[in-house]
Amino acid sequence: MPKYAQQLRDHDRNPCIAETDASRKCMDDNNYKKDMCTDYFLKYKNCRKFWCFLNSLDCTACYCCSYACMKVLDS
């Protein structure tokens, strides 16, 4: 597998792998009829928006791991 393809399968670089796979499976199962997979596309889109938002946060105010980024609250 090419290096770029491996990076796309890395949860640290692409946290929306599950949504990507579900969208592709839906398209395969439904003979590539996009209207049958709208819910899967929406879940992928929301996932990307969420992670892009987290990437825009100041990392000094976040605790980041491979699956989640939570704001550290002041005590």
N, C-alpha and C. Protein backbone atom coordinates (compact mmCIF):
# COMPACT_ATOMS: atom_id res chain seq x y z
N MET A 1 0.85 -1.18 0.00
CA MET A 1 0.00 0.00 0.00
C MET A 1 0.89 1.24 0.00
N PRO A 2 0.62 2.22 -0.88
CA PRO A 2 1.44 3.44 -0.91
C PRO A 2 1.38 4.18 0.42
N LYS A 3 2.41 4.96 0.68
CA LYS A 3 2.51 5.67 1.96
C LYS A 3 1.30 6.58 2.18
N TYR A 4 0.87 7.31 1.14
CA TYR A 4 -0.27 8.20 1.26
C TYR A 4 -1.53 7.42 1.65
N ALA A 5 -1.73 6.27 1.06
CA ALA A 5 -2.90 5.44 1.38
C ALA A 5 -2.82 4.95 2.82
N GLN A 6 -1.64 4.64 3.30
CA GLN A 6 -1.47 4.22 4.69
C GLN A 6 -1.81 5.35 5.64
N GLN A 7 -1.44 6.57 5.28
CA GLN A 7 -1.73 7.72 6.12
C GLN A 7 -3.23 7.96 6.23
N LEU A 8 -3.96 7.70 5.16
CA LEU A 8 -5.41 7.88 5.19
C LEU A 8 -6.07 6.87 6.11
N ARG A 9 -5.44 5.73 6.34
CA ARG A 9 -5.98 4.69 7.22
C ARG A 9 -5.50 4.85 8.66
N ASP A 10 -4.71 5.89 8.94
CA ASP A 10 -4.17 6.13 10.27
C ASP A 10 -5.15 7.00 11.06
N HIS A 11 -5.65 6.49 12.21
CA HIS A 11 -6.62 7.22 13.02
C HIS A 11 -6.09 8.56 13.51
N ASP A 12 -4.78 8.68 13.67
CA ASP A 12 -4.22 9.95 14.12
C ASP A 12 -4.29 11.02 13.03
N ARG A 13 -4.24 10.62 11.78
CA ARG A 13 -4.31 11.57 10.67
C ARG A 13 -5.72 11.70 10.11
N ASN A 14 -6.50 10.65 10.20
CA ASN A 14 -7.87 10.66 9.67
C ASN A 14 -8.80 10.00 10.70
N PRO A 15 -9.32 10.79 11.63
CA PRO A 15 -10.18 10.21 12.68
C PRO A 15 -11.56 9.79 12.18
N CYS A 16 -11.87 10.02 10.92
CA CYS A 16 -13.19 9.69 10.37
C CYS A 16 -13.15 8.44 9.50
N ILE A 17 -12.26 7.53 9.80
CA ILE A 17 -12.12 6.31 9.00
C ILE A 17 -13.40 5.48 9.04
N ALA A 18 -14.01 5.35 10.20
CA ALA A 18 -15.23 4.54 10.31
C ALA A 18 -16.34 5.11 9.43
N GLU A 19 -16.48 6.44 9.42
CA GLU A 19 -17.50 7.08 8.60
C GLU A 19 -17.18 6.93 7.11
N THR A 20 -15.90 7.03 6.77
CA THR A 20 -15.48 6.83 5.38
C THR A 20 -15.83 5.42 4.91
N ASP A 21 -15.46 4.44 5.73
CA ASP A 21 -15.72 3.04 5.37
C ASP A 21 -17.23 2.76 5.26
N ALA A 22 -18.01 3.33 6.18
CA ALA A 22 -19.46 3.11 6.14
C ALA A 22 -20.06 3.72 4.87
N SER A 23 -19.59 4.89 4.48
CA SER A 23 -20.09 5.53 3.25
C SER A 23 -19.76 4.69 2.02
N ARG A 24 -18.53 4.21 1.97
CA ARG A 24 -18.12 3.37 0.82
C ARG A 24 -18.91 2.07 0.76
N LYS A 25 -19.13 1.46 1.92
CA LYS A 25 -19.88 0.22 1.96
C LYS A 25 -21.32 0.45 1.50
N CYS A 26 -21.90 1.55 1.97
CA CYS A 26 -23.26 1.88 1.54
C CYS A 26 -23.33 2.06 0.03
N MET A 27 -22.38 2.77 -0.53
CA MET A 27 -22.36 2.98 -1.98
C MET A 27 -22.22 1.64 -2.71
N ASP A 28 -21.34 0.77 -2.22
CA ASP A 28 -21.17 -0.55 -2.84
C ASP A 28 -22.46 -1.37 -2.76
N ASP A 29 -23.09 -1.35 -1.58
CA ASP A 29 -24.29 -2.14 -1.37
C ASP A 29 -25.49 -1.64 -2.17
N ASN A 30 -25.49 -0.36 -2.52
CA ASN A 30 -26.64 0.24 -3.20
C ASN A 30 -26.34 0.65 -4.64
N ASN A 31 -25.37 -0.03 -5.25
CA ASN A 31 -25.03 0.21 -6.66
C ASN A 31 -24.75 1.69 -6.96
N TYR A 32 -24.08 2.34 -6.03
CA TYR A 32 -23.64 3.73 -6.18
C TYR A 32 -24.78 4.72 -6.39
N LYS A 33 -25.91 4.46 -5.75
CA LYS A 33 -27.02 5.42 -5.74
C LYS A 33 -26.83 6.33 -4.53
N LYS A 34 -26.39 7.54 -4.80
CA LYS A 34 -26.04 8.46 -3.72
C LYS A 34 -27.20 8.77 -2.80
N ASP A 35 -28.40 8.83 -3.33
CA ASP A 35 -29.55 9.17 -2.50
C ASP A 35 -29.84 8.12 -1.43
N MET A 36 -29.35 6.91 -1.61
CA MET A 36 -29.54 5.85 -0.63
C MET A 36 -28.56 5.97 0.55
N CYS A 37 -27.54 6.80 0.41
CA CYS A 37 -26.48 6.88 1.41
C CYS A 37 -26.36 8.26 2.06
N THR A 38 -27.38 9.05 1.95
CA THR A 38 -27.35 10.42 2.45
C THR A 38 -26.99 10.48 3.94
N ASP A 39 -27.54 9.58 4.73
CA ASP A 39 -27.25 9.58 6.16
C ASP A 39 -25.77 9.33 6.44
N TYR A 40 -25.17 8.43 5.69
CA TYR A 40 -23.75 8.13 5.86
C TYR A 40 -22.89 9.32 5.46
N PHE A 41 -23.26 10.01 4.39
CA PHE A 41 -22.51 11.19 3.95
C PHE A 41 -22.60 12.29 4.99
N LEU A 42 -23.78 12.45 5.58
CA LEU A 42 -23.96 13.48 6.60
C LEU A 42 -23.12 13.18 7.84
N LYS A 43 -23.07 11.91 8.24
CA LYS A 43 -22.23 11.52 9.38
C LYS A 43 -20.77 11.80 9.10
N TYR A 44 -20.32 11.52 7.88
CA TYR A 44 -18.93 11.80 7.51
C TYR A 44 -18.66 13.30 7.54
N LYS A 45 -19.57 14.06 6.96
CA LYS A 45 -19.41 15.51 6.91
C LYS A 45 -19.34 16.09 8.33
N ASN A 46 -20.23 15.62 9.21
CA ASN A 46 -20.21 16.09 10.61
C ASN A 46 -18.93 15.71 11.32
N CYS A 47 -18.43 14.53 11.06
CA CYS A 47 -17.18 14.08 11.65
C CYS A 47 -16.03 14.99 11.22
N ARG A 48 -15.96 15.28 9.92
CA ARG A 48 -14.90 16.15 9.41
C ARG A 48 -14.99 17.55 10.01
N LYS A 49 -16.21 18.09 10.10
CA LYS A 49 -16.40 19.42 10.70
C LYS A 49 -15.91 19.42 12.15
N PHE A 50 -16.29 18.38 12.90
CA PHE A 50 -15.91 18.27 14.30
C PHE A 50 -14.39 18.25 14.46
N TRP A 51 -13.71 17.40 13.70
CA TRP A 51 -12.26 17.29 13.83
C TRP A 51 -11.54 18.50 13.29
N CYS A 52 -12.07 19.13 12.27
CA CYS A 52 -11.45 20.37 11.77
C CYS A 52 -11.58 21.47 12.82
N PHE A 53 -12.72 21.50 13.51
CA PHE A 53 -12.89 22.47 14.59
C PHE A 53 -11.88 22.21 15.71
N LEU A 54 -11.72 20.96 16.10
CA LEU A 54 -10.77 20.64 17.17
C LEU A 54 -9.35 20.99 16.77
N ASN A 55 -9.01 20.79 15.50
CA ASN A 55 -7.68 21.15 15.03
C ASN A 55 -7.44 22.65 15.07
N SER A 56 -8.50 23.43 15.01
CA SER A 56 -8.35 24.89 15.03
C SER A 56 -8.18 25.44 16.44
N LEU A 57 -8.46 24.62 17.46
CA LEU A 57 -8.30 25.07 18.84
C LEU A 57 -6.84 25.21 19.22
N ASP A 58 -6.59 26.03 20.18
CA ASP A 58 -5.24 26.19 20.70
C ASP A 58 -4.87 24.93 21.48
N CYS A 59 -3.85 24.22 21.03
CA CYS A 59 -3.50 22.94 21.65
C CYS A 59 -3.00 23.08 23.08
N THR A 60 -2.61 24.27 23.49
CA THR A 60 -2.19 24.42 24.88
C THR A 60 -3.39 24.34 25.81
N ALA A 61 -4.60 24.54 25.28
CA ALA A 61 -5.81 24.48 26.10
C ALA A 61 -6.50 23.13 25.96
N CYS A 62 -5.89 22.21 25.24
CA CYS A 62 -6.53 20.91 25.00
C CYS A 62 -5.62 19.77 25.41
N TYR A 63 -6.24 18.69 25.75
CA TYR A 63 -5.54 17.43 25.92
C TYR A 63 -5.92 16.58 24.72
N CYS A 64 -4.96 16.28 23.87
CA CYS A 64 -5.27 15.56 22.63
C CYS A 64 -4.76 14.13 22.70
N CYS A 65 -5.57 13.22 22.24
CA CYS A 65 -5.14 11.84 22.07
C CYS A 65 -5.62 11.39 20.70
N SER A 66 -5.49 10.13 20.37
CA SER A 66 -5.80 9.69 19.02
C SER A 66 -7.30 9.74 18.70
N TYR A 67 -8.18 9.70 19.67
CA TYR A 67 -9.60 9.65 19.38
C TYR A 67 -10.40 10.86 19.88
N ALA A 68 -9.84 11.64 20.79
CA ALA A 68 -10.62 12.74 21.34
C ALA A 68 -9.72 13.88 21.77
N CYS A 69 -10.31 15.04 21.84
CA CYS A 69 -9.61 16.21 22.33
C CYS A 69 -10.58 16.92 23.24
N MET A 70 -10.24 17.01 24.52
CA MET A 70 -11.15 17.63 25.48
C MET A 70 -10.50 18.89 26.05
N LYS A 71 -11.30 19.92 26.19
CA LYS A 71 -10.78 21.14 26.80
C LYS A 71 -10.50 20.88 28.28
N VAL A 72 -9.39 21.40 28.73
CA VAL A 72 -9.04 21.30 30.13
C VAL A 72 -9.66 22.50 30.83
N LEU A 73 -10.51 22.22 31.78
CA LEU A 73 -11.21 23.30 32.47
C LEU A 73 -10.35 23.85 33.59
N ASP A 74 -10.43 25.15 33.79
CA ASP A 74 -9.70 25.77 34.91
C ASP A 74 -10.33 25.33 36.21
N SER A 75 -9.51 25.04 37.18
CA SER A 75 -10.06 24.59 38.48
C SER A 75 -10.32 25.72 39.42
